[in-house]
PDB file of N, CA and C in Angstrom:
ATOM      1  N   MET A   1      19.307  -4.818 -10.799  1.00  0.00           N
ATOM      2  CA  MET A   1      19.491  -3.863  -9.732  1.00  0.00           C
ATOM      3  C   MET A   1      18.663  -4.290  -8.520  1.00  0.00           C
ATOM      4  N   ALA A   2      19.246  -4.242  -7.342  1.00  0.00           N
ATOM      5  CA  ALA A   2      18.561  -4.657  -6.123  1.00  0.00           C
ATOM      6  C   ALA A   2      17.462  -3.666  -5.753  1.00  0.00           C
ATOM      7  N   SER A   3      16.398  -4.191  -5.203  1.00  0.00           N
ATOM      8  CA  SER A   3      15.304  -3.343  -4.742  1.00  0.00           C
ATOM      9  C   SER A   3      15.536  -2.961  -3.290  1.00  0.00           C
ATOM     10  N   HIS A   4      15.092  -1.793  -2.949  1.00  0.00           N
ATOM     11  CA  HIS A   4      15.156  -1.320  -1.567  1.00  0.00           C
ATOM     12  C   HIS A   4      13.946  -1.862  -0.804  1.00  0.00           C
ATOM     13  N   PRO A   5      13.977  -1.761   0.522  1.00  0.00           N
ATOM     14  CA  PRO A   5      12.872  -2.306   1.312  1.00  0.00           C
ATOM     15  C   PRO A   5      11.574  -1.524   1.135  1.00  0.00           C
ATOM     16  N   ILE A   6      10.489  -2.235   1.382  1.00  0.00           N
ATOM     17  CA  ILE A   6       9.169  -1.621   1.444  1.00  0.00           C
ATOM     18  C   ILE A   6       8.714  -1.722   2.893  1.00  0.00           C
ATOM     19  N   HIS A   7       8.398  -0.575   3.480  1.00  0.00           N
ATOM     20  CA  HIS A   7       7.868  -0.524   4.838  1.00  0.00           C
ATOM     21  C   HIS A   7       6.367  -0.291   4.753  1.00  0.00           C
ATOM     22  N   VAL A   8       5.674  -0.652   5.811  1.00  0.00           N
ATOM     23  CA  VAL A   8       4.239  -0.426   5.914  1.00  0.00           C
ATOM     24  C   VAL A   8       4.003   0.330   7.213  1.00  0.00           C
ATOM     25  N   LYS A   9       3.200   1.392   7.128  1.00  0.00           N
ATOM     26  CA  LYS A   9       3.021   2.242   8.308  1.00  0.00           C
ATOM     27  C   LYS A   9       1.634   2.864   8.286  1.00  0.00           C
ATOM     28  N   ARG A  10       1.029   2.950   9.469  1.00  0.00           N
ATOM     29  CA  ARG A  10      -0.242   3.680   9.564  1.00  0.00           C
ATOM     30  C   ARG A  10       0.012   5.145   9.278  1.00  0.00           C
ATOM     31  N   VAL A  11      -0.904   5.748   8.592  1.00  0.00           N
ATOM     32  CA  VAL A  11      -0.770   7.142   8.192  1.00  0.00           C
ATOM     33  C   VAL A  11      -0.715   8.070   9.406  1.00  0.00           C
ATOM     34  N   TYR A  12      -1.192   7.610  10.540  1.00  0.00           N
ATOM     35  CA  TYR A  12      -1.228   8.420  11.754  1.00  0.00           C
ATOM     36  C   TYR A  12       0.103   8.430  12.501  1.00  0.00           C
ATOM     37  N   GLU A  13       1.043   7.595  12.091  1.00  0.00           N
ATOM     38  CA  GLU A  13       2.370   7.572  12.701  1.00  0.00           C
ATOM     39  C   GLU A  13       3.214   8.675  12.057  1.00  0.00           C
ATOM     40  N   PRO A  14       4.113   9.285  12.831  1.00  0.00           N
ATOM     41  CA  PRO A  14       4.933  10.369  12.259  1.00  0.00           C
ATOM     42  C   PRO A  14       5.911   9.864  11.201  1.00  0.00           C
ATOM     43  N   ALA A  15       6.228  10.751  10.279  1.00  0.00           N
ATOM     44  CA  ALA A  15       7.234  10.447   9.253  1.00  0.00           C
ATOM     45  C   ALA A  15       8.600  10.329   9.924  1.00  0.00           C
ATOM     46  N   GLU A  16       9.424   9.430   9.378  1.00  0.00           N
ATOM     47  CA  GLU A  16      10.781   9.233   9.880  1.00  0.00           C
ATOM     48  C   GLU A  16      11.740   9.274   8.701  1.00  0.00           C
ATOM     49  N   SER A  17      12.985   9.574   8.975  1.00  0.00           N
ATOM     50  CA  SER A  17      13.969   9.715   7.899  1.00  0.00           C
ATOM     51  C   SER A  17      14.140   8.425   7.096  1.00  0.00           C
ATOM     52  N   GLY A  18      13.982   7.266   7.702  1.00  0.00           N
ATOM     53  CA  GLY A  18      14.148   5.996   7.006  1.00  0.00           C
ATOM     54  C   GLY A  18      12.964   5.576   6.161  1.00  0.00           C
ATOM     55  N   ASP A  19      11.888   6.372   6.164  1.00  0.00           N
ATOM     56  CA  ASP A  19      10.688   6.015   5.399  1.00  0.00           C
ATOM     57  C   ASP A  19      10.932   6.044   3.898  1.00  0.00           C
ATOM     58  N   GLY A  20      11.826   6.867   3.444  1.00  0.00           N
ATOM     59  CA  GLY A  20      12.026   7.012   2.006  1.00  0.00           C
ATOM     60  C   GLY A  20      10.808   7.666   1.380  1.00  0.00           C
ATOM     61  N   CYS A  21      10.413   7.173   0.225  1.00  0.00           N
ATOM     62  CA  CYS A  21       9.246   7.697  -0.478  1.00  0.00           C
ATOM     63  C   CYS A  21       7.983   7.183   0.216  1.00  0.00           C
ATOM     64  N   ARG A  22       7.158   8.101   0.696  1.00  0.00           N
ATOM     65  CA  ARG A  22       5.930   7.748   1.413  1.00  0.00           C
ATOM     66  C   ARG A  22       4.759   7.788   0.436  1.00  0.00           C
ATOM     67  N   ILE A  23       4.097   6.630   0.269  1.00  0.00           N
ATOM     68  CA  ILE A  23       3.013   6.504  -0.709  1.00  0.00           C
ATOM     69  C   ILE A  23       1.725   6.113   0.001  1.00  0.00           C
ATOM     70  N   LEU A  24       0.727   6.971  -0.058  1.00  0.00           N
ATOM     71  CA  LEU A  24      -0.580   6.670   0.506  1.00  0.00           C
ATOM     72  C   LEU A  24      -1.312   5.737  -0.454  1.00  0.00           C
ATOM     73  N   VAL A  25      -1.786   4.591   0.058  1.00  0.00           N
ATOM     74  CA  VAL A  25      -2.423   3.585  -0.796  1.00  0.00           C
ATOM     75  C   VAL A  25      -3.904   3.394  -0.450  1.00  0.00           C
ATOM     76  N   ASP A  26      -4.510   4.401   0.163  1.00  0.00           N
ATOM     77  CA  ASP A  26      -5.943   4.404   0.453  1.00  0.00           C
ATOM     78  C   ASP A  26      -6.690   5.094  -0.679  1.00  0.00           C
ATOM     79  N   GLY A  27      -7.930   4.706  -0.881  1.00  0.00           N
ATOM     80  CA  GLY A  27      -8.741   5.315  -1.922  1.00  0.00           C
ATOM     81  C   GLY A  27      -9.339   6.647  -1.519  1.00  0.00           C
ATOM     82  N   ILE A  28      -9.474   6.868  -0.215  1.00  0.00           N
ATOM     83  CA  ILE A  28      -9.992   8.139   0.283  1.00  0.00           C
ATOM     84  C   ILE A  28      -8.983   8.718   1.271  1.00  0.00           C
ATOM     85  N   TRP A  29      -8.994  10.034   1.396  1.00  0.00           N
ATOM     86  CA  TRP A  29      -8.040  10.702   2.287  1.00  0.00           C
ATOM     87  C   TRP A  29      -8.365  10.316   3.735  1.00  0.00           C
ATOM     88  N   PRO A  30      -7.343  10.036   4.537  1.00  0.00           N
ATOM     89  CA  PRO A  30      -7.558   9.617   5.935  1.00  0.00           C
ATOM     90  C   PRO A  30      -8.272  10.698   6.754  1.00  0.00           C
ATOM     91  N   ARG A  31      -9.283  10.274   7.449  1.00  0.00           N
ATOM     92  CA  ARG A  31     -10.106  11.165   8.257  1.00  0.00           C
ATOM     93  C   ARG A  31      -9.251  11.930   9.280  1.00  0.00           C
ATOM     94  N   GLY A  32      -9.490  13.229   9.340  1.00  0.00           N
ATOM     95  CA  GLY A  32      -8.851  14.058  10.351  1.00  0.00           C
ATOM     96  C   GLY A  32      -7.386  14.385  10.097  1.00  0.00           C
ATOM     97  N   GLN A  33      -6.871  14.054   8.931  1.00  0.00           N
ATOM     98  CA  GLN A  33      -5.451  14.284   8.651  1.00  0.00           C
ATOM     99  C   GLN A  33      -5.275  15.407   7.640  1.00  0.00           C
ATOM    100  N   ARG A  34      -4.362  16.317   7.945  1.00  0.00           N
ATOM    101  CA  ARG A  34      -3.983  17.357   6.996  1.00  0.00           C
ATOM    102  C   ARG A  34      -2.874  16.811   6.107  1.00  0.00           C
ATOM    103  N   ARG A  35      -2.775  17.327   4.923  1.00  0.00           N
ATOM    104  CA  ARG A  35      -1.760  16.843   3.976  1.00  0.00           C
ATOM    105  C   ARG A  35      -0.352  16.937   4.553  1.00  0.00           C
ATOM    106  N   GLU A  36      -0.064  18.032   5.238  1.00  0.00           N
ATOM    107  CA  GLU A  36       1.280  18.185   5.797  1.00  0.00           C
ATOM    108  C   GLU A  36       1.557  17.194   6.926  1.00  0.00           C
ATOM    109  N   ASP A  37       0.515  16.750   7.637  1.00  0.00           N
ATOM    110  CA  ASP A  37       0.703  15.758   8.700  1.00  0.00           C
ATOM    111  C   ASP A  37       1.011  14.378   8.125  1.00  0.00           C
ATOM    112  N   VAL A  38       0.381  14.059   7.000  1.00  0.00           N
ATOM    113  CA  VAL A  38       0.585  12.761   6.358  1.00  0.00           C
ATOM    114  C   VAL A  38       1.967  12.685   5.719  1.00  0.00           C
ATOM    115  N   ALA A  39       2.426  13.779   5.187  1.00  0.00           N
ATOM    116  CA  ALA A  39       3.746  13.859   4.550  1.00  0.00           C
ATOM    117  C   ALA A  39       3.918  12.775   3.477  1.00  0.00           C
ATOM    118  N   ALA A  40       2.868  12.581   2.667  1.00  0.00           N
ATOM    119  CA  ALA A  40       2.940  11.606   1.580  1.00  0.00           C
ATOM    120  C   ALA A  40       3.587  12.244   0.364  1.00  0.00           C
ATOM    121  N   ASP A  41       4.514  11.521  -0.243  1.00  0.00           N
ATOM    122  CA  ASP A  41       5.124  11.989  -1.488  1.00  0.00           C
ATOM    123  C   ASP A  41       4.200  11.731  -2.670  1.00  0.00           C
ATOM    124  N   LEU A  42       3.414  10.665  -2.570  1.00  0.00           N
ATOM    125  CA  LEU A  42       2.460  10.286  -3.617  1.00  0.00           C
ATOM    126  C   LEU A  42       1.186   9.778  -2.963  1.00  0.00           C
ATOM    127  N   TRP A  43       0.085   9.979  -3.656  1.00  0.00           N
ATOM    128  CA  TRP A  43      -1.180   9.371  -3.258  1.00  0.00           C
ATOM    129  C   TRP A  43      -1.640   8.559  -4.451  1.00  0.00           C
ATOM    130  N   LEU A  44      -1.460   7.252  -4.378  1.00  0.00           N
ATOM    131  CA  LEU A  44      -1.811   6.365  -5.492  1.00  0.00           C
ATOM    132  C   LEU A  44      -3.163   5.698  -5.222  1.00  0.00           C
ATOM    133  N   LYS A  45      -4.234   6.425  -5.510  1.00  0.00           N
ATOM    134  CA  LYS A  45      -5.579   5.886  -5.330  1.00  0.00           C
ATOM    135  C   LYS A  45      -5.790   4.643  -6.189  1.00  0.00           C
ATOM    136  N   ALA A  46      -5.077   4.572  -7.312  1.00  0.00           N
ATOM    137  CA  ALA A  46      -5.263   3.465  -8.255  1.00  0.00           C
ATOM    138  C   ALA A  46      -4.940   2.107  -7.638  1.00  0.00           C
ATOM    139  N   VAL A  47      -4.099   2.065  -6.607  1.00  0.00           N
ATOM    140  CA  VAL A  47      -3.755   0.773  -6.009  1.00  0.00           C
ATOM    141  C   VAL A  47      -4.623   0.447  -4.796  1.00  0.00           C
ATOM    142  N   ALA A  48      -5.561   1.305  -4.468  1.00  0.00           N
ATOM    143  CA  ALA A  48      -6.485   1.021  -3.370  1.00  0.00           C
ATOM    144  C   ALA A  48      -7.478  -0.047  -3.812  1.00  0.00           C
ATOM    145  N   PRO A  49      -7.910  -0.889  -2.893  1.00  0.00           N
ATOM    146  CA  PRO A  49      -8.944  -1.866  -3.264  1.00  0.00           C
ATOM    147  C   PRO A  49     -10.228  -1.145  -3.671  1.00  0.00           C
ATOM    148  N   SER A  50     -10.987  -1.765  -4.538  1.00  0.00           N
ATOM    149  CA  SER A  50     -12.269  -1.181  -4.941  1.00  0.00           C
ATOM    150  C   SER A  50     -13.167  -1.058  -3.710  1.00  0.00           C
ATOM    151  N   ALA A  51     -14.134  -0.157  -3.801  1.00  0.00           N
ATOM    152  CA  ALA A  51     -15.066   0.037  -2.687  1.00  0.00           C
ATOM    153  C   ALA A  51     -15.794  -1.261  -2.358  1.00  0.00           C
ATOM    154  N   GLY A  52     -16.179  -2.000  -3.395  1.00  0.00           N
ATOM    155  CA  GLY A  52     -16.876  -3.265  -3.163  1.00  0.00           C
ATOM    156  C   GLY A  52     -16.011  -4.278  -2.439  1.00  0.00           C
ATOM    157  N   LEU A  53     -14.769  -4.396  -2.840  1.00  0.00           N
ATOM    158  CA  LEU A  53     -13.865  -5.339  -2.187  1.00  0.00           C
ATOM    159  C   LEU A  53     -13.598  -4.900  -0.749  1.00  0.00           C
ATOM    160  N   ARG A  54     -13.404  -3.620  -0.556  1.00  0.00           N
ATOM    161  CA  ARG A  54     -13.142  -3.101   0.783  1.00  0.00           C
ATOM    162  C   ARG A  54     -14.323  -3.389   1.717  1.00  0.00           C
ATOM    163  N   ARG A  55     -15.537  -3.147   1.235  1.00  0.00           N
ATOM    164  CA  ARG A  55     -16.734  -3.419   2.053  1.00  0.00           C
ATOM    165  C   ARG A  55     -16.868  -4.915   2.336  1.00  0.00           C
ATOM    166  N   TRP A  56     -16.651  -5.753   1.313  1.00  0.00           N
ATOM    167  CA  TRP A  56     -16.762  -7.196   1.500  1.00  0.00           C
ATOM    168  C   TRP A  56     -15.769  -7.684   2.552  1.00  0.00           C
ATOM    169  N   PHE A  57     -14.536  -7.219   2.468  1.00  0.00           N
ATOM    170  CA  PHE A  57     -13.487  -7.663   3.380  1.00  0.00           C
ATOM    171  C   PHE A  57     -13.760  -7.200   4.808  1.00  0.00           C
ATOM    172  N   GLY A  58     -14.009  -5.928   5.005  1.00  0.00           N
ATOM    173  CA  GLY A  58     -14.310  -5.401   6.327  1.00  0.00           C
ATOM    174  C   GLY A  58     -13.246  -5.700   7.371  1.00  0.00           C
ATOM    175  N   HIS A  59     -12.022  -5.953   6.941  1.00  0.00           N
ATOM    176  CA  HIS A  59     -10.894  -6.291   7.822  1.00  0.00           C
ATOM    177  C   HIS A  59     -11.193  -7.517   8.680  1.00  0.00           C
ATOM    178  N   ASP A  60     -11.957  -8.439   8.121  1.00  0.00           N
ATOM    179  CA  ASP A  60     -12.262  -9.705   8.781  1.00  0.00           C
ATOM    180  C   ASP A  60     -11.110 -10.669   8.527  1.00  0.00           C
ATOM    181  N   PRO A  61     -10.358 -11.045   9.567  1.00  0.00           N
ATOM    182  CA  PRO A  61      -9.207 -11.941   9.364  1.00  0.00           C
ATOM    183  C   PRO A  61      -9.581 -13.261   8.689  1.00  0.00           C
ATOM    184  N   ASP A  62     -10.815 -13.716   8.860  1.00  0.00           N
ATOM    185  CA  ASP A  62     -11.247 -14.954   8.207  1.00  0.00           C
ATOM    186  C   ASP A  62     -11.334 -14.797   6.692  1.00  0.00           C
ATOM    187  N   ARG A  63     -11.424 -13.575   6.210  1.00  0.00           N
ATOM    188  CA  ARG A  63     -11.506 -13.312   4.774  1.00  0.00           C
ATOM    189  C   ARG A  63     -10.167 -12.852   4.191  1.00  0.00           C
ATOM    190  N   TRP A  64      -9.121 -12.842   4.995  1.00  0.00           N
ATOM    191  CA  TRP A  64      -7.827 -12.295   4.595  1.00  0.00           C
ATOM    192  C   TRP A  64      -7.253 -12.977   3.350  1.00  0.00           C
ATOM    193  N   ALA A  65      -7.208 -14.288   3.331  1.00  0.00           N
ATOM    194  CA  ALA A  65      -6.619 -15.001   2.186  1.00  0.00           C
ATOM    195  C   ALA A  65      -7.391 -14.686   0.901  1.00  0.00           C
ATOM    196  N   GLU A  66      -8.694 -14.701   0.977  1.00  0.00           N
ATOM    197  CA  GLU A  66      -9.511 -14.412  -0.208  1.00  0.00           C
ATOM    198  C   GLU A  66      -9.392 -12.941  -0.603  1.00  0.00           C
ATOM    199  N   PHE A  67      -9.302 -12.056   0.378  1.00  0.00           N
ATOM    200  CA  PHE A  67      -9.094 -10.639   0.074  1.00  0.00           C
ATOM    201  C   PHE A  67      -7.807 -10.461  -0.716  1.00  0.00           C
ATOM    202  N   GLN A  68      -6.721 -11.090  -0.266  1.00  0.00           N
ATOM    203  CA  GLN A  68      -5.443 -10.949  -0.955  1.00  0.00           C
ATOM    204  C   GLN A  68      -5.538 -11.439  -2.400  1.00  0.00           C
ATOM    205  N   ARG A  69      -6.243 -12.544  -2.620  1.00  0.00           N
ATOM    206  CA  ARG A  69      -6.401 -13.076  -3.971  1.00  0.00           C
ATOM    207  C   ARG A  69      -7.184 -12.098  -4.851  1.00  0.00           C
ATOM    208  N   ARG A  70      -8.312 -11.612  -4.335  1.00  0.00           N
ATOM    209  CA  ARG A  70      -9.149 -10.685  -5.112  1.00  0.00           C
ATOM    210  C   ARG A  70      -8.434  -9.356  -5.354  1.00  0.00           C
ATOM    211  N   TYR A  71      -7.710  -8.897  -4.352  1.00  0.00           N
ATOM    212  CA  TYR A  71      -6.976  -7.637  -4.474  1.00  0.00           C
ATOM    213  C   TYR A  71      -5.878  -7.762  -5.533  1.00  0.00           C
ATOM    214  N   ALA A  72      -5.165  -8.863  -5.522  1.00  0.00           N
ATOM    215  CA  ALA A  72      -4.127  -9.097  -6.538  1.00  0.00           C
ATOM    216  C   ALA A  72      -4.745  -9.085  -7.929  1.00  0.00           C
ATOM    217  N   GLU A  73      -5.926  -9.662  -8.041  1.00  0.00           N
ATOM    218  CA  GLU A  73      -6.635  -9.670  -9.327  1.00  0.00           C
ATOM    219  C   GLU A  73      -6.968  -8.238  -9.770  1.00  0.00           C
ATOM    220  N   GLU A  74      -7.448  -7.417  -8.842  1.00  0.00           N
ATOM    221  CA  GLU A  74      -7.750  -6.024  -9.176  1.00  0.00           C
ATOM    222  C   GLU A  74      -6.493  -5.269  -9.610  1.00  0.00           C
ATOM    223  N   LEU A  75      -5.381  -5.543  -8.962  1.00  0.00           N
ATOM    224  CA  LEU A  75      -4.148  -4.814  -9.256  1.00  0.00           C
ATOM    225  C   LEU A  75      -3.562  -5.155 -10.624  1.00  0.00           C
ATOM    226  N   ARG A  76      -3.984  -6.245 -11.227  1.00  0.00           N
ATOM    227  CA  ARG A  76      -3.502  -6.580 -12.576  1.00  0.00           C
ATOM    228  C   ARG A  76      -3.870  -5.493 -13.580  1.00  0.00           C
ATOM    229  N   ASP A  77      -4.942  -4.764 -13.289  1.00  0.00           N
ATOM    230  CA  ASP A  77      -5.381  -3.674 -14.175  1.00  0.00           C
ATOM    231  C   ASP A  77      -4.711  -2.346 -13.837  1.00  0.00           C
ATOM    232  N   GLN A  78      -3.810  -2.353 -12.887  1.00  0.00           N
ATOM    233  CA  GLN A  78      -3.160  -1.116 -12.433  1.00  0.00           C
ATOM    234  C   GLN A  78      -1.648  -1.165 -12.653  1.00  0.00           C
ATOM    235  N   ALA A  79      -1.243  -1.649 -13.810  1.00  0.00           N
ATOM    236  CA  ALA A  79       0.185  -1.838 -14.098  1.00  0.00           C
ATOM    237  C   ALA A  79       0.977  -0.542 -13.983  1.00  0.00           C
ATOM    238  N   GLU A  80       0.425   0.553 -14.454  1.00  0.00           N
ATOM    239  CA  GLU A  80       1.153   1.824 -14.408  1.00  0.00           C
ATOM    240  C   GLU A  80       1.422   2.260 -12.969  1.00  0.00           C
ATOM    241  N   ALA A  81       0.413   2.166 -12.111  1.00  0.00           N
ATOM    242  CA  ALA A  81       0.588   2.540 -10.706  1.00  0.00           C
ATOM    243  C   ALA A  81       1.566   1.601 -10.010  1.00  0.00           C
ATOM    244  N   MET A  82       1.473   0.314 -10.313  1.00  0.00           N
ATOM    245  CA  MET A  82       2.406  -0.650  -9.721  1.00  0.00           C
ATOM    246  C   MET A  82       3.832  -0.354 -10.181  1.00  0.00           C
ATOM    247  N   ASP A  83       3.992  -0.004 -11.441  1.00  0.00           N
ATOM    248  CA  ASP A  83       5.326   0.348 -11.952  1.00  0.00           C
ATOM    249  C   ASP A  83       5.868   1.600 -11.268  1.00  0.00           C
ATOM    250  N   THR A  84       4.986   2.522 -10.928  1.00  0.00           N
ATOM    251  CA  THR A  84       5.415   3.726 -10.206  1.00  0.00           C
ATOM    252  C   THR A  84       6.028   3.338  -8.866  1.00  0.00           C
ATOM    253  N   ILE A  85       5.391   2.428  -8.159  1.00  0.00           N
ATOM    254  CA  ILE A  85       5.928   1.981  -6.864  1.00  0.00           C
ATOM    255  C   ILE A  85       7.260   1.269  -7.076  1.00  0.00           C
ATOM    256  N   ARG A  86       7.322   0.398  -8.069  1.00  0.00           N
ATOM    257  CA  ARG A  86       8.579  -0.330  -8.338  1.00  0.00           C
ATOM    258  C   ARG A  86       9.726   0.624  -8.676  1.00  0.00           C
ATOM    259  N   GLU A  87       9.427   1.652  -9.457  1.00  0.00           N
ATOM    260  CA  GLU A  87      10.459   2.619  -9.817  1.00  0.00           C
ATOM    261  C   GLU A  87      10.943   3.373  -8.586  1.00  0.00           C
ATOM    262  N   ARG A  88      10.029   3.801  -7.745  1.00  0.00           N
ATOM    263  CA  ARG A  88      10.431   4.485  -6.508  1.00  0.00           C
ATOM    264  C   ARG A  88      11.261   3.555  -5.633  1.00  0.00           C
ATOM    265  N   ARG A  89      10.912   2.288  -5.622  1.00  0.00           N
ATOM    266  CA  ARG A  89      11.646   1.308  -4.824  1.00  0.00           C
ATOM    267  C   ARG A  89      13.066   1.103  -5.360  1.00  0.00           C
ATOM    268  N   ARG A  90      13.246   1.195  -6.650  1.00  0.00           N
ATOM    269  CA  ARG A  90      14.602   1.087  -7.212  1.00  0.00           C
ATOM    270  C   ARG A  90      15.469   2.262  -6.763  1.00  0.00           C
ATOM    271  N   GLN A  91      14.842   3.399  -6.511  1.00  0.00           N
ATOM    272  CA  GLN A  91      15.561   4.613  -6.120  1.00  0.00           C
ATOM    273  C   GLN A  91      15.884   4.666  -4.629  1.00  0.00           C
ATOM    274  N   GLY A  92      15.105   3.964  -3.813  1.00  0.00           N
ATOM    275  CA  GLY A  92      15.322   3.995  -2.367  1.00  0.00           C
ATOM    276  C   GLY A  92      14.175   3.322  -1.637  1.00  0.00           C
ATOM    277  N   PRO A  93      14.207   3.357  -0.300  1.00  0.00           N
ATOM    278  CA  PRO A  93      13.128   2.735   0.473  1.00  0.00           C
ATOM    279  C   PRO A  93      11.776   3.368   0.152  1.00  0.00           C
ATOM    280  N   VAL A  94      10.728   2.577   0.326  1.00  0.00           N
ATOM    281  CA  VAL A  94       9.359   3.028   0.112  1.00  0.00           C
ATOM    282  C   VAL A  94       8.559   2.665   1.357  1.00  0.00           C
ATOM    283  N   THR A  95       7.683   3.556   1.775  1.00  0.00           N
ATOM    284  CA  THR A  95       6.760   3.271   2.870  1.00  0.00           C
ATOM    285  C   THR A  95       5.348   3.401   2.340  1.00  0.00           C
ATOM    286  N   LEU A  96       4.590   2.307   2.442  1.00  0.00           N
ATOM    287  CA  LEU A  96       3.188   2.305   2.038  1.00  0.00           C
ATOM    288  C   LEU A  96       2.357   2.737   3.237  1.00  0.00           C
ATOM    289  N   LEU A  97       1.588   3.797   3.076  1.00  0.00           N
ATOM    290  CA  LEU A  97       0.776   4.351   4.150  1.00  0.00           C
ATOM    291  C   LEU A  97      -0.671   3.920   4.000  1.00  0.00           C
ATOM    292  N   TYR A  98      -1.295   3.565   5.120  1.00  0.00           N
ATOM    293  CA  TYR A  98      -2.700   3.143   5.140  1.00  0.00           C
ATOM    294  C   TYR A  98      -3.346   3.697   6.398  1.00  0.00           C
ATOM    295  N   SER A  99      -4.664   3.743   6.434  1.00  0.00           N
ATOM    296  CA  SER A  99      -5.350   4.291   7.599  1.00  0.00           C
ATOM    297  C   SER A  99      -6.111   3.255   8.422  1.00  0.00           C
ATOM    298  N   ALA A 100      -6.199   2.038   7.982  1.00  0.00           N
ATOM    299  CA  ALA A 100      -6.952   1.006   8.701  1.00  0.00           C
ATOM    300  C   ALA A 100      -6.403   0.796  10.110  1.00  0.00           C
ATOM    301  N   ARG A 101      -7.278   0.430  11.012  1.00  0.00           N
ATOM    302  CA  ARG A 101      -6.844   0.141  12.389  1.00  0.00           C
ATOM    303  C   ARG A 101      -6.092  -1.183  12.469  1.00  0.00           C
ATOM    304  N   ASP A 102      -6.508  -2.140  11.671  1.00  0.00           N
ATOM    305  CA  ASP A 102      -5.890  -3.469  11.693  1.00  0.00           C
ATOM    306  C   ASP A 102      -4.524  -3.406  11.018  1.00  0.00           C
ATOM    307  N   GLU A 103      -3.483  -3.607  11.788  1.00  0.00           N
ATOM    308  CA  GLU A 103      -2.121  -3.472  11.277  1.00  0.00           C
ATOM    309  C   GLU A 103      -1.610  -4.717  10.556  1.00  0.00           C
ATOM    310  N   GLN A 104      -2.340  -5.816  10.632  1.00  0.00           N
ATOM    311  CA  GLN A 104      -1.901  -7.052   9.986  1.00  0.00           C
ATOM    312  C   GLN A 104      -2.714  -7.412   8.758  1.00  0.00           C
ATOM    313  N   HIS A 105      -3.947  -6.938   8.690  1.00  0.00           N
ATOM    314  CA  HIS A 105      -4.858  -7.300   7.603  1.00  0.00           C
ATOM    315  C   HIS A 105      -5.350  -6.040   6.906  1.00  0.00           C
ATOM    316  N   ASN A 106      -4.529  -5.507   6.003  1.00  0.00           N
ATOM    317  CA  ASN A 106      -4.905  -4.307   5.268  1.00  0.00           C
ATOM    318  C   ASN A 106      -4.228  -4.336   3.904  1.00  0.00           C
ATOM    319  N   GLN A 107      -4.659  -3.433   3.017  1.00  0.00           N
ATOM    320  CA  GLN A 107      -4.155  -3.462   1.642  1.00  0.00           C
ATOM    321  C   GLN A 107      -2.665  -3.166   1.550  1.00  0.00           C
ATOM    322  N   ALA A 108      -2.110  -2.381   2.453  1.00  0.00           N
ATOM    323  CA  ALA A 108      -0.674  -2.069   2.386  1.00  0.00           C
ATOM    324  C   ALA A 108       0.161  -3.327   2.645  1.00  0.00           C
ATOM    325  N   VAL A 109      -0.265  -4.141   3.601  1.00  0.00           N
ATOM    326  CA  VAL A 109       0.433  -5.397   3.891  1.00  0.00           C
ATOM    327  C   VAL A 109       0.336  -6.324   2.680  1.00  0.00           C
ATOM    328  N   ALA A 110      -0.867  -6.431   2.121  1.00  0.00           N
ATOM    329  CA  ALA A 110      -1.062  -7.288   0.943  1.00  0.00           C
ATOM    330  C   ALA A 110      -0.258  -6.768  -0.249  1.00  0.00           C
ATOM    331  N   LEU A 111      -0.240  -5.457  -0.433  1.00  0.00           N
ATOM    332  CA  LEU A 111       0.490  -4.863  -1.548  1.00  0.00           C
ATOM    333  C   LEU A 111       1.993  -5.091  -1.405  1.00  0.00           C
ATOM    334  N   ARG A 112       2.517  -4.935  -0.209  1.00  0.00           N
ATOM    335  CA  ARG A 112       3.946  -5.192  -0.002  1.00  0.00           C
ATOM    336  C   ARG A 112       4.277  -6.642  -0.353  1.00  0.00           C
ATOM    337  N   ARG A 113       3.447  -7.560   0.056  1.00  0.00           N
ATOM    338  CA  ARG A 113       3.681  -8.976  -0.249  1.00  0.00           C
ATOM    339  C   ARG A 113       3.668  -9.213  -1.760  1.00  0.00           C
ATOM    340  N   LEU A 114       2.716  -8.614  -2.456  1.00  0.00           N
ATOM    341  CA  LEU A 114       2.648  -8.763  -3.911  1.00  0.00           C
ATOM    342  C   LEU A 114       3.897  -8.212  -4.576  1.00  0.00           C
ATOM    343  N   LEU A 115       4.329  -7.044  -4.141  1.00  0.00           N
ATOM    344  CA  LEU A 115       5.529  -6.440  -4.728  1.00  0.00           C
ATOM    345  C   LEU A 115       6.778  -7.261  -4.434  1.00  0.00           C
ATOM    346  N   ASP A 116       6.899  -7.741  -3.203  1.00  0.00           N
ATOM    347  CA  ASP A 116       8.055  -8.558  -2.834  1.00  0.00           C
ATOM    348  C   ASP A 116       8.055  -9.870  -3.628  1.00  0.00           C
ATOM    349  N   ASP A 117       6.894 -10.519  -3.720  1.00  0.00           N
ATOM    350  CA  ASP A 117       6.809 -11.774  -4.475  1.00  0.00           C
ATOM    351  C   ASP A 117       7.094 -11.542  -5.949  1.00  0.00           C
ATOM    352  N   GLY A 118       6.561 -10.462  -6.497  1.00  0.00           N
ATOM    353  CA  GLY A 118       6.775 -10.140  -7.907  1.00  0.00           C
ATOM    354  C   GLY A 118       8.230  -9.878  -8.211  1.00  0.00           C
ATOM    355  N   ASP A 119       8.925  -9.195  -7.314  1.00  0.00           N
ATOM    356  CA  ASP A 119      10.338  -8.904  -7.532  1.00  0.00           C
ATOM    357  C   ASP A 119      11.192 -10.162  -7.456  1.00  0.00           C
ATOM    358  N   ARG A 120      10.796 -11.103  -6.612  1.00  0.00           N
ATOM    359  CA  ARG A 120      11.537 -12.371  -6.530  1.00  0.00           C
ATOM    360  C   ARG A 120      11.381 -13.199  -7.811  1.00  0.00           C
ATOM    361  N   GLU A 121      10.199 -13.050  -8.438  1.00  0.00           N
ATOM    362  CA  GLU A 121       9.928 -13.815  -9.656  1.00  0.00           C
ATOM    363  C   GLU A 121      10.620 -13.225 -10.876  1.00  0.00           C
ATOM    364  N   ARG A 122      11.020 -11.972 -10.819  1.00  0.00           N
ATOM    365  CA  ARG A 122      11.614 -11.299 -11.983  1.00  0.00           C
ATOM    366  C   ARG A 122      13.047 -11.711 -12.162  1.00  0.00           C
TER     367      ARG A 122
END
């Protein structure tokens, strides 16, 4: 069965009809946001990077490649949460929500790449 697209969006952007299932992938609730404003269907804290990894990375683009490697390693222990995302993706589009300012170097971008690569390998 074909997978639907995975979108990545800052949590501060408004929900749109094409978002499909909106999944917050941050470990802590985004500052200043009410639940109804975020409009997340799921909050999967389990797929957020560990606090130590997040602090080490600090959204430093020079650490991006190593962050992705370490993050992928952490996610190996989160099979159930990853399967939840895959199942939602089989049902329709998925939007991974994140709160970081850096739109190119964040866990949602890395997670989408892991999911896309994993689906190609299956």
